[in-house]
Amino acid sequence: MKKFNFKIKNVKLAFVILVILALILLVLYYVFILSSNFSKKRFANDMIHISDENENSVFSIQKISLFSSANAIDNSEDRSLKNMSICQYSDLSIYIDNSGTSSELTNENTVKELYIDNIVMSSKLDKGTKILNYKNPLSFGKYKDIESPSDKISFNVINTNQQNENNDYDKPTFYTDCSNPITLGYLNKDILTNYSVSDNSKTVSFNGKVLKEANISLDDINYTLKFTIHIINNLNEHFSYNMSLDVDLGENIFTNGYIYSGKTFTGDEYRFFKN
């Protein structure tokens, strides 16, 4: 049997190559093994820290009140009810509970800043123009045209009685002690345009009944609202809550002209998340 003898002609070069290969193996081991384990451990520690931070939530959703109706806007010059636009609107009051950690007012459970963003509105059919914005609580339950907000709805936070007396409540307003609700108005404009009363009728209902008179399907205009409520307290801590509301108008809007409902919430899923 023939024997093979290997001789290394350049020992230094071979040594350098072995060192380089060893370094490459160490780098690969760190990248694929050690760093992965470190990342998993760091992620686990971060999750534990976040869980501890949110074990006792400072703010939570306490209650939501909802009023829904509709209106017919007469656009005819002679007020003949021959050119009307049908819209549907809903007013929301969102109450915040800030007593989760203390029944007394502290820098932790009082509000320094409040704003709403990430607004998404959807329905089965893309009918009309949907808008969500702040609404003056004095106009709650009444039809009022509202403007589309910019990227977010920023609230003026009231801290003193003097600020309260001088405040313009047509602009987004919230009390630092969470004693008033967040009031919002949802408006779906121009669901139906150029609507006119039939020859057999000389009147039109300027409420939810007009939806039936105009043969508008509630299933088509029932809607979902999604948005994020952000709170910054007086310790400059940031809290957020991702709101999702599925609004079913219900047949009573045809008979009563409106629907009004309220719901009180309990449970961890209604807590504001501390960022």
C-alpha atoms as a PDB file:
ATOM      1  CA  MET A   1       0.000   0.000   0.000  1.00  0.00           C
ATOM      2  CA  LYS A   2       1.326   3.386  -0.988  1.00  0.00           C
ATOM      3  CA  LYS A   3       1.889   5.812   1.868  1.00  0.00           C
ATOM      4  CA  PHE A   4       1.202   9.518   1.580  1.00  0.00           C
ATOM      5  CA  ASN A   5       3.412  11.933   3.467  1.00  0.00           C
ATOM      6  CA  PHE A   6       2.310  15.546   3.924  1.00  0.00           C
ATOM      7  CA  LYS A   7       4.835  18.218   4.653  1.00  0.00           C
ATOM      8  CA  ILE A   8       4.025  21.779   5.536  1.00  0.00           C
ATOM      9  CA  LYS A   9       6.449  23.920   3.654  1.00  0.00           C
ATOM     10  CA  ASN A  10       5.495  27.241   5.349  1.00  0.00           C
ATOM     11  CA  VAL A  11       4.698  26.651   9.023  1.00  0.00           C
ATOM     12  CA  LYS A  12       4.128  30.325   9.808  1.00  0.00           C
ATOM     13  CA  LEU A  13       1.583  30.687   7.024  1.00  0.00           C
ATOM     14  CA  ALA A  14      -0.260  27.592   8.162  1.00  0.00           C
ATOM     15  CA  PHE A  15      -0.322  28.908  11.730  1.00  0.00           C
ATOM     16  CA  VAL A  16      -1.782  32.229  10.570  1.00  0.00           C
ATOM     17  CA  ILE A  17      -4.474  30.422   8.571  1.00  0.00           C
ATOM     18  CA  LEU A  18      -5.393  28.294  11.606  1.00  0.00           C
ATOM     19  CA  VAL A  19      -5.660  31.398  13.803  1.00  0.00           C
ATOM     20  CA  ILE A  20      -7.900  33.124  11.224  1.00  0.00           C
ATOM     21  CA  LEU A  21     -10.137  30.048  10.963  1.00  0.00           C
ATOM     22  CA  ALA A  22     -10.376  29.891  14.760  1.00  0.00           C
ATOM     23  CA  LEU A  23     -11.391  33.568  14.922  1.00  0.00           C
ATOM     24  CA  ILE A  24     -14.016  33.038  12.234  1.00  0.00           C
ATOM     25  CA  LEU A  25     -15.465  30.111  14.194  1.00  0.00           C
ATOM     26  CA  LEU A  26     -15.556  32.193  17.365  1.00  0.00           C
ATOM     27  CA  VAL A  27     -17.361  35.035  15.565  1.00  0.00           C
ATOM     28  CA  LEU A  28     -19.890  32.632  14.072  1.00  0.00           C
ATOM     29  CA  TYR A  29     -20.437  31.026  17.481  1.00  0.00           C
ATOM     30  CA  TYR A  30     -21.050  34.438  19.070  1.00  0.00           C
ATOM     31  CA  VAL A  31     -23.396  35.629  16.322  1.00  0.00           C
ATOM     32  CA  PHE A  32     -25.530  32.505  16.087  1.00  0.00           C
ATOM     33  CA  ILE A  33     -25.357  31.096  19.629  1.00  0.00           C
ATOM     34  CA  LEU A  34     -24.305  33.549  22.328  1.00  0.00           C
ATOM     35  CA  SER A  35     -25.938  36.716  20.935  1.00  0.00           C
ATOM     36  CA  SER A  36     -29.204  34.827  20.365  1.00  0.00           C
ATOM     37  CA  ASN A  37     -29.195  33.632  23.978  1.00  0.00           C
ATOM     38  CA  PHE A  38     -28.344  37.134  25.231  1.00  0.00           C
ATOM     39  CA  SER A  39     -31.189  38.630  23.137  1.00  0.00           C
ATOM     40  CA  LYS A  40     -33.678  36.081  24.454  1.00  0.00           C
ATOM     41  CA  LYS A  41     -32.619  36.769  28.037  1.00  0.00           C
ATOM     42  CA  ARG A  42     -32.774  40.547  27.513  1.00  0.00           C
ATOM     43  CA  PHE A  43     -36.208  40.246  25.901  1.00  0.00           C
ATOM     44  CA  ALA A  44     -37.449  38.100  28.800  1.00  0.00           C
ATOM     45  CA  ASN A  45     -36.121  40.630  31.326  1.00  0.00           C
ATOM     46  CA  ASP A  46     -37.777  43.487  29.391  1.00  0.00           C
ATOM     47  CA  MET A  47     -41.111  41.628  29.407  1.00  0.00           C
ATOM     48  CA  ILE A  48     -40.824  41.021  33.159  1.00  0.00           C
ATOM     49  CA  HIS A  49     -40.078  44.715  33.710  1.00  0.00           C
ATOM     50  CA  ILE A  50     -43.027  45.792  31.550  1.00  0.00           C
ATOM     51  CA  SER A  51     -45.310  43.332  33.348  1.00  0.00           C
ATOM     52  CA  ASP A  52     -44.224  44.681  36.725  1.00  0.00           C
ATOM     53  CA  GLU A  53     -44.759  48.262  35.539  1.00  0.00           C
ATOM     54  CA  ASN A  54     -48.339  47.477  34.447  1.00  0.00           C
ATOM     55  CA  GLU A  55     -49.365  45.219  37.324  1.00  0.00           C
ATOM     56  CA  ASN A  56     -51.279  48.091  38.929  1.00  0.00           C
ATOM     57  CA  SER A  57     -52.497  50.334  36.145  1.00  0.00           C
ATOM     58  CA  VAL A  58     -52.814  54.028  36.905  1.00  0.00           C
ATOM     59  CA  PHE A  59     -55.482  54.722  34.266  1.00  0.00           C
ATOM     60  CA  SER A  60     -58.234  52.571  32.798  1.00  0.00           C
ATOM     61  CA  ILE A  61     -61.422  52.872  30.747  1.00  0.00           C
ATOM     62  CA  GLN A  62     -64.312  53.103  33.200  1.00  0.00           C
ATOM     63  CA  LYS A  63     -67.395  53.663  31.020  1.00  0.00           C
ATOM     64  CA  ILE A  64     -68.484  54.576  27.497  1.00  0.00           C
ATOM     65  CA  SER A  65     -71.772  56.283  26.620  1.00  0.00           C
ATOM     66  CA  LEU A  66     -72.952  56.304  23.005  1.00  0.00           C
ATOM     67  CA  PHE A  67     -75.746  58.292  21.356  1.00  0.00           C
ATOM     68  CA  SER A  68     -76.558  57.638  17.685  1.00  0.00           C
ATOM     69  CA  SER A  69     -79.008  59.272  15.323  1.00  0.00           C
ATOM     70  CA  ALA A  70     -79.172  60.701  11.778  1.00  0.00           C
ATOM     71  CA  ASN A  71     -80.131  63.891   9.988  1.00  0.00           C
ATOM     72  CA  ALA A  72     -81.232  65.192   6.608  1.00  0.00           C
ATOM     73  CA  ILE A  73     -79.525  68.354   5.364  1.00  0.00           C
ATOM     74  CA  ASP A  74     -81.741  70.336   2.968  1.00  0.00           C
ATOM     75  CA  ASN A  75     -79.547  71.756   0.202  1.00  0.00           C
ATOM     76  CA  SER A  76     -82.377  73.042  -1.983  1.00  0.00           C
ATOM     77  CA  GLU A  77     -82.495  76.821  -2.427  1.00  0.00           C
ATOM     78  CA  ASP A  78     -86.257  77.041  -1.817  1.00  0.00           C
ATOM     79  CA  ARG A  79     -86.273  74.622   1.137  1.00  0.00           C
ATOM     80  CA  SER A  80     -88.478  72.303  -0.875  1.00  0.00           C
ATOM     81  CA  LEU A  81     -86.878  69.119   0.544  1.00  0.00           C
ATOM     82  CA  LYS A  82     -85.998  68.081  -3.012  1.00  0.00           C
ATOM     83  CA  ASN A  83     -82.230  68.025  -2.599  1.00  0.00           C
ATOM     84  CA  MET A  84     -81.176  66.572   0.712  1.00  0.00           C
ATOM     85  CA  SER A  85     -78.068  64.886   2.005  1.00  0.00           C
ATOM     86  CA  ILE A  86     -78.473  62.076   4.558  1.00  0.00           C
ATOM     87  CA  CYS A  87     -75.886  61.700   7.320  1.00  0.00           C
ATOM     88  CA  GLN A  88     -75.511  59.474  10.379  1.00  0.00           C
ATOM     89  CA  TYR A  89     -73.810  60.643  13.558  1.00  0.00           C
ATOM     90  CA  SER A  90     -72.810  59.255  16.935  1.00  0.00           C
ATOM     91  CA  ASP A  91     -71.554  60.997  20.068  1.00  0.00           C
ATOM     92  CA  LEU A  92     -69.222  59.210  22.471  1.00  0.00           C
ATOM     93  CA  SER A  93     -68.336  59.935  26.083  1.00  0.00           C
ATOM     94  CA  ILE A  94     -65.324  57.989  27.346  1.00  0.00           C
ATOM     95  CA  TYR A  95     -64.772  58.073  31.108  1.00  0.00           C
ATOM     96  CA  ILE A  96     -61.284  57.491  32.529  1.00  0.00           C
ATOM     97  CA  ASP A  97     -60.714  55.961  35.966  1.00  0.00           C
ATOM     98  CA  ASN A  98     -57.529  57.269  37.621  1.00  0.00           C
ATOM     99  CA  SER A  99     -58.009  55.658  41.044  1.00  0.00           C
ATOM    100  CA  GLY A 100     -56.185  52.405  40.267  1.00  0.00           C
ATOM    101  CA  THR A 101     -53.161  53.224  42.398  1.00  0.00           C
ATOM    102  CA  SER A 102     -54.498  55.939  44.707  1.00  0.00           C
ATOM    103  CA  SER A 103     -57.815  57.494  45.687  1.00  0.00           C
ATOM    104  CA  GLU A 104     -55.971  60.782  46.215  1.00  0.00           C
ATOM    105  CA  LEU A 105     -54.775  63.064  43.429  1.00  0.00           C
ATOM    106  CA  THR A 106     -51.036  62.731  42.852  1.00  0.00           C
ATOM    107  CA  ASN A 107     -48.561  63.571  40.118  1.00  0.00           C
ATOM    108  CA  GLU A 108     -48.885  59.951  39.035  1.00  0.00           C
ATOM    109  CA  ASN A 109     -52.662  59.862  38.436  1.00  0.00           C
ATOM    110  CA  THR A 110     -53.238  63.394  37.106  1.00  0.00           C
ATOM    111  CA  VAL A 111     -53.018  64.279  33.436  1.00  0.00           C
ATOM    112  CA  LYS A 112     -50.456  66.621  31.934  1.00  0.00           C
ATOM    113  CA  GLU A 113     -51.115  65.834  28.255  1.00  0.00           C
ATOM    114  CA  LEU A 114     -53.857  63.969  26.396  1.00  0.00           C
ATOM    115  CA  TYR A 115     -54.152  63.233  22.700  1.00  0.00           C
ATOM    116  CA  ILE A 116     -55.733  60.749  20.293  1.00  0.00           C
ATOM    117  CA  ASP A 117     -54.162  59.395  17.104  1.00  0.00           C
ATOM    118  CA  ASN A 118     -54.104  56.307  14.855  1.00  0.00           C
ATOM    119  CA  ILE A 119     -57.760  56.947  13.919  1.00  0.00           C
ATOM    120  CA  VAL A 120     -59.294  54.324  11.630  1.00  0.00           C
ATOM    121  CA  MET A 121     -62.995  54.197  10.637  1.00  0.00           C
ATOM    122  CA  SER A 122     -64.494  51.375   8.593  1.00  0.00           C
ATOM    123  CA  SER A 123     -67.886  49.985   7.579  1.00  0.00           C
ATOM    124  CA  LYS A 124     -69.208  47.203   5.374  1.00  0.00           C
ATOM    125  CA  LEU A 125     -69.746  49.520   2.416  1.00  0.00           C
ATOM    126  CA  ASP A 126     -67.709  52.622   1.732  1.00  0.00           C
ATOM    127  CA  LYS A 127     -70.653  55.003   1.836  1.00  0.00           C
ATOM    128  CA  GLY A 128     -70.264  58.659   2.755  1.00  0.00           C
ATOM    129  CA  THR A 129     -67.372  60.536   4.314  1.00  0.00           C
ATOM    130  CA  LYS A 130     -66.418  59.430   7.838  1.00  0.00           C
ATOM    131  CA  ILE A 131     -65.037  61.886  10.398  1.00  0.00           C
ATOM    132  CA  LEU A 132     -64.080  61.500  14.072  1.00  0.00           C
ATOM    133  CA  ASN A 133     -63.190  64.546  16.144  1.00  0.00           C
ATOM    134  CA  TYR A 134     -63.733  66.227  19.485  1.00  0.00           C
ATOM    135  CA  LYS A 135     -67.267  67.415  20.245  1.00  0.00           C
ATOM    136  CA  ASN A 136     -68.362  70.020  22.786  1.00  0.00           C
ATOM    137  CA  PRO A 137     -70.142  68.119  25.601  1.00  0.00           C
ATOM    138  CA  LEU A 138     -72.876  70.772  25.575  1.00  0.00           C
ATOM    139  CA  SER A 139     -73.761  69.544  22.071  1.00  0.00           C
ATOM    140  CA  PHE A 140     -73.852  65.876  23.054  1.00  0.00           C
ATOM    141  CA  GLY A 141     -76.822  64.163  21.389  1.00  0.00           C
ATOM    142  CA  LYS A 142     -77.413  67.030  18.965  1.00  0.00           C
ATOM    143  CA  TYR A 143     -76.506  67.085  15.298  1.00  0.00           C
ATOM    144  CA  LYS A 144     -73.523  69.289  14.565  1.00  0.00           C
ATOM    145  CA  ASP A 145     -71.222  69.383  11.585  1.00  0.00           C
ATOM    146  CA  ILE A 146     -67.643  68.585  12.563  1.00  0.00           C
ATOM    147  CA  GLU A 147     -64.363  69.068  10.762  1.00  0.00           C
ATOM    148  CA  SER A 148     -61.855  66.365  10.011  1.00  0.00           C
ATOM    149  CA  PRO A 149     -58.882  66.547  12.423  1.00  0.00           C
ATOM    150  CA  SER A 150     -55.253  66.528  11.396  1.00  0.00           C
ATOM    151  CA  ASP A 151     -53.057  63.605  12.385  1.00  0.00           C
ATOM    152  CA  LYS A 152     -54.235  63.695  15.990  1.00  0.00           C
ATOM    153  CA  ILE A 153     -56.745  65.283  18.388  1.00  0.00           C
ATOM    154  CA  SER A 154     -54.835  67.209  21.060  1.00  0.00           C
ATOM    155  CA  PHE A 155     -56.673  68.225  24.232  1.00  0.00           C
ATOM    156  CA  ASN A 156     -56.234  71.337  26.333  1.00  0.00           C
ATOM    157  CA  VAL A 157     -55.746  70.069  29.886  1.00  0.00           C
ATOM    158  CA  ILE A 158     -57.473  72.175  32.573  1.00  0.00           C
ATOM    159  CA  ASN A 159     -55.551  72.415  35.858  1.00  0.00           C
ATOM    160  CA  THR A 160     -57.189  75.316  37.737  1.00  0.00           C
ATOM    161  CA  ASN A 161     -60.619  76.890  38.269  1.00  0.00           C
ATOM    162  CA  GLN A 162     -59.453  80.025  36.499  1.00  0.00           C
ATOM    163  CA  GLN A 163     -58.500  78.019  33.406  1.00  0.00           C
ATOM    164  CA  ASN A 164     -61.900  76.372  33.568  1.00  0.00           C
ATOM    165  CA  GLU A 165     -63.724  79.717  33.614  1.00  0.00           C
ATOM    166  CA  ASN A 166     -61.755  81.100  30.654  1.00  0.00           C
ATOM    167  CA  ASN A 167     -61.697  77.955  28.528  1.00  0.00           C
ATOM    168  CA  ASP A 168     -63.316  77.594  25.088  1.00  0.00           C
ATOM    169  CA  TYR A 169     -65.144  74.259  25.243  1.00  0.00           C
ATOM    170  CA  ASP A 170     -65.596  74.170  21.479  1.00  0.00           C
ATOM    171  CA  LYS A 171     -61.940  73.109  21.516  1.00  0.00           C
ATOM    172  CA  PRO A 172     -60.778  69.732  22.894  1.00  0.00           C
ATOM    173  CA  THR A 173     -60.843  69.953  26.689  1.00  0.00           C
ATOM    174  CA  PHE A 174     -59.994  67.548  29.497  1.00  0.00           C
ATOM    175  CA  TYR A 175     -59.567  68.005  33.264  1.00  0.00           C
ATOM    176  CA  THR A 176     -56.287  66.997  34.876  1.00  0.00           C
ATOM    177  CA  ASP A 177     -58.155  64.978  37.538  1.00  0.00           C
ATOM    178  CA  CYS A 178     -60.097  62.936  34.908  1.00  0.00           C
ATOM    179  CA  SER A 179     -63.404  64.251  36.286  1.00  0.00           C
ATOM    180  CA  ASN A 180     -64.887  64.878  32.827  1.00  0.00           C
ATOM    181  CA  PRO A 181     -65.186  62.388  29.958  1.00  0.00           C
ATOM    182  CA  ILE A 182     -63.444  62.503  26.617  1.00  0.00           C
ATOM    183  CA  THR A 183     -66.249  63.602  24.270  1.00  0.00           C
ATOM    184  CA  LEU A 184     -65.987  62.696  20.593  1.00  0.00           C
ATOM    185  CA  GLY A 185     -68.271  63.036  17.615  1.00  0.00           C
ATOM    186  CA  TYR A 186     -68.461  60.547  14.742  1.00  0.00           C
ATOM    187  CA  LEU A 187     -70.086  61.780  11.538  1.00  0.00           C
ATOM    188  CA  ASN A 188     -70.711  59.925   8.295  1.00  0.00           C
ATOM    189  CA  LYS A 189     -71.639  62.652   5.806  1.00  0.00           C
ATOM    190  CA  ASP A 190     -73.356  62.261   2.438  1.00  0.00           C
ATOM    191  CA  ILE A 191     -74.375  58.633   2.849  1.00  0.00           C
ATOM    192  CA  LEU A 192     -77.074  59.512   0.318  1.00  0.00           C
ATOM    193  CA  THR A 193     -77.207  62.722  -1.725  1.00  0.00           C
ATOM    194  CA  ASN A 194     -79.925  64.378  -3.836  1.00  0.00           C
ATOM    195  CA  TYR A 195     -82.561  62.692  -1.705  1.00  0.00           C
ATOM    196  CA  SER A 196     -86.114  64.095  -1.917  1.00  0.00           C
ATOM    197  CA  VAL A 197     -89.342  63.204  -0.160  1.00  0.00           C
ATOM    198  CA  SER A 198     -91.782  61.056  -2.111  1.00  0.00           C
ATOM    199  CA  ASP A 199     -94.914  62.464  -3.691  1.00  0.00           C
ATOM    200  CA  ASN A 200     -96.993  60.705  -1.035  1.00  0.00           C
ATOM    201  CA  SER A 201     -95.157  62.449   1.803  1.00  0.00           C
ATOM    202  CA  LYS A 202     -94.682  66.158   2.442  1.00  0.00           C
ATOM    203  CA  THR A 203     -92.432  65.739   5.469  1.00  0.00           C
ATOM    204  CA  VAL A 204     -89.151  64.133   6.347  1.00  0.00           C
ATOM    205  CA  SER A 205     -87.772  62.937   9.689  1.00  0.00           C
ATOM    206  CA  PHE A 206     -84.712  64.853  10.811  1.00  0.00           C
ATOM    207  CA  ASN A 207     -83.502  62.002  13.011  1.00  0.00           C
ATOM    208  CA  GLY A 208     -82.675  58.313  12.742  1.00  0.00           C
ATOM    209  CA  LYS A 209     -86.034  57.508  11.166  1.00  0.00           C
ATOM    210  CA  VAL A 210     -84.866  59.149   7.944  1.00  0.00           C
ATOM    211  CA  LEU A 211     -82.515  56.209   7.382  1.00  0.00           C
ATOM    212  CA  LYS A 212     -85.534  53.932   6.934  1.00  0.00           C
ATOM    213  CA  GLU A 213     -87.421  56.521   4.878  1.00  0.00           C
ATOM    214  CA  ALA A 214     -84.434  56.732   2.518  1.00  0.00           C
ATOM    215  CA  ASN A 215     -84.074  52.904   2.384  1.00  0.00           C
ATOM    216  CA  ILE A 216     -80.570  52.976   3.851  1.00  0.00           C
ATOM    217  CA  SER A 217     -79.472  49.595   5.204  1.00  0.00           C
ATOM    218  CA  LEU A 218     -78.097  49.760   8.736  1.00  0.00           C
ATOM    219  CA  ASP A 219     -75.913  46.759   8.003  1.00  0.00           C
ATOM    220  CA  ASP A 220     -74.139  48.843   5.352  1.00  0.00           C
ATOM    221  CA  ILE A 221     -73.352  51.764   7.663  1.00  0.00           C
ATOM    222  CA  ASN A 222     -72.679  49.997  10.979  1.00  0.00           C
ATOM    223  CA  TYR A 223     -69.086  50.865  11.685  1.00  0.00           C
ATOM    224  CA  THR A 224     -65.912  50.137  13.619  1.00  0.00           C
ATOM    225  CA  LEU A 225     -63.845  52.854  15.297  1.00  0.00           C
ATOM    226  CA  LYS A 226     -60.202  52.320  16.177  1.00  0.00           C
ATOM    227  CA  PHE A 227     -57.904  54.884  17.768  1.00  0.00           C
ATOM    228  CA  THR A 228     -55.232  55.240  20.426  1.00  0.00           C
ATOM    229  CA  ILE A 229     -55.686  57.383  23.547  1.00  0.00           C
ATOM    230  CA  HIS A 230     -52.402  58.726  24.941  1.00  0.00           C
ATOM    231  CA  ILE A 231     -51.982  60.092  28.470  1.00  0.00           C
ATOM    232  CA  ILE A 232     -48.853  61.719  29.880  1.00  0.00           C
ATOM    233  CA  ASN A 233     -49.058  62.240  33.621  1.00  0.00           C
ATOM    234  CA  ASN A 234     -47.340  64.866  35.745  1.00  0.00           C
ATOM    235  CA  LEU A 235     -44.388  62.535  36.259  1.00  0.00           C
ATOM    236  CA  ASN A 236     -43.937  62.597  32.466  1.00  0.00           C
ATOM    237  CA  GLU A 237     -44.851  58.911  32.251  1.00  0.00           C
ATOM    238  CA  HIS A 238     -46.574  57.837  29.018  1.00  0.00           C
ATOM    239  CA  PHE A 239     -49.671  55.620  28.974  1.00  0.00           C
ATOM    240  CA  SER A 240     -51.711  54.453  25.984  1.00  0.00           C
ATOM    241  CA  TYR A 241     -54.891  52.523  25.247  1.00  0.00           C
ATOM    242  CA  ASN A 242     -55.893  51.090  21.861  1.00  0.00           C
ATOM    243  CA  MET A 243     -59.639  51.588  21.564  1.00  0.00           C
ATOM    244  CA  SER A 244     -61.716  49.398  19.251  1.00  0.00           C
ATOM    245  CA  LEU A 245     -65.491  49.895  19.080  1.00  0.00           C
ATOM    246  CA  ASP A 246     -67.898  47.940  16.910  1.00  0.00           C
ATOM    247  CA  VAL A 247     -71.054  50.073  16.655  1.00  0.00           C
ATOM    248  CA  ASP A 248     -74.306  48.325  15.724  1.00  0.00           C
ATOM    249  CA  LEU A 249     -76.968  50.986  15.241  1.00  0.00           C
ATOM    250  CA  GLY A 250     -79.858  48.571  15.826  1.00  0.00           C
ATOM    251  CA  GLU A 251     -83.432  48.652  14.564  1.00  0.00           C
ATOM    252  CA  ASN A 252     -84.610  50.969  17.375  1.00  0.00           C
ATOM    253  CA  ILE A 253     -83.064  53.881  15.516  1.00  0.00           C
ATOM    254  CA  PHE A 254     -85.798  53.393  12.899  1.00  0.00           C
ATOM    255  CA  THR A 255     -88.623  53.605  15.443  1.00  0.00           C
ATOM    256  CA  ASN A 256     -87.282  56.005  18.093  1.00  0.00           C
ATOM    257  CA  GLY A 257     -85.129  58.147  15.850  1.00  0.00           C
ATOM    258  CA  TYR A 258     -82.074  57.544  18.051  1.00  0.00           C
ATOM    259  CA  ILE A 259     -80.359  54.992  20.267  1.00  0.00           C
ATOM    260  CA  TYR A 260     -78.583  55.635  23.552  1.00  0.00           C
ATOM    261  CA  SER A 261     -76.486  53.082  25.363  1.00  0.00           C
ATOM    262  CA  GLY A 262     -73.845  52.932  28.059  1.00  0.00           C
ATOM    263  CA  LYS A 263     -71.469  50.279  29.305  1.00  0.00           C
ATOM    264  CA  THR A 264     -69.214  50.064  32.352  1.00  0.00           C
ATOM    265  CA  PHE A 265     -65.936  48.175  31.970  1.00  0.00           C
ATOM    266  CA  THR A 266     -63.858  46.102  34.358  1.00  0.00           C
ATOM    267  CA  GLY A 267     -60.853  43.894  33.710  1.00  0.00           C
ATOM    268  CA  ASP A 268     -57.203  44.099  32.759  1.00  0.00           C
ATOM    269  CA  GLU A 269     -57.979  44.494  29.055  1.00  0.00           C
ATOM    270  CA  TYR A 270     -59.326  48.019  29.695  1.00  0.00           C
ATOM    271  CA  ARG A 271     -56.182  49.305  31.400  1.00  0.00           C
ATOM    272  CA  PHE A 272     -53.905  51.886  29.866  1.00  0.00           C
ATOM    273  CA  PHE A 273     -50.529  50.398  29.011  1.00  0.00           C
ATOM    274  CA  LYS A 274     -47.506  52.141  30.489  1.00  0.00           C
ATOM    275  CA  ASN A 275     -44.928  52.632  27.741  1.00  0.00           C
END
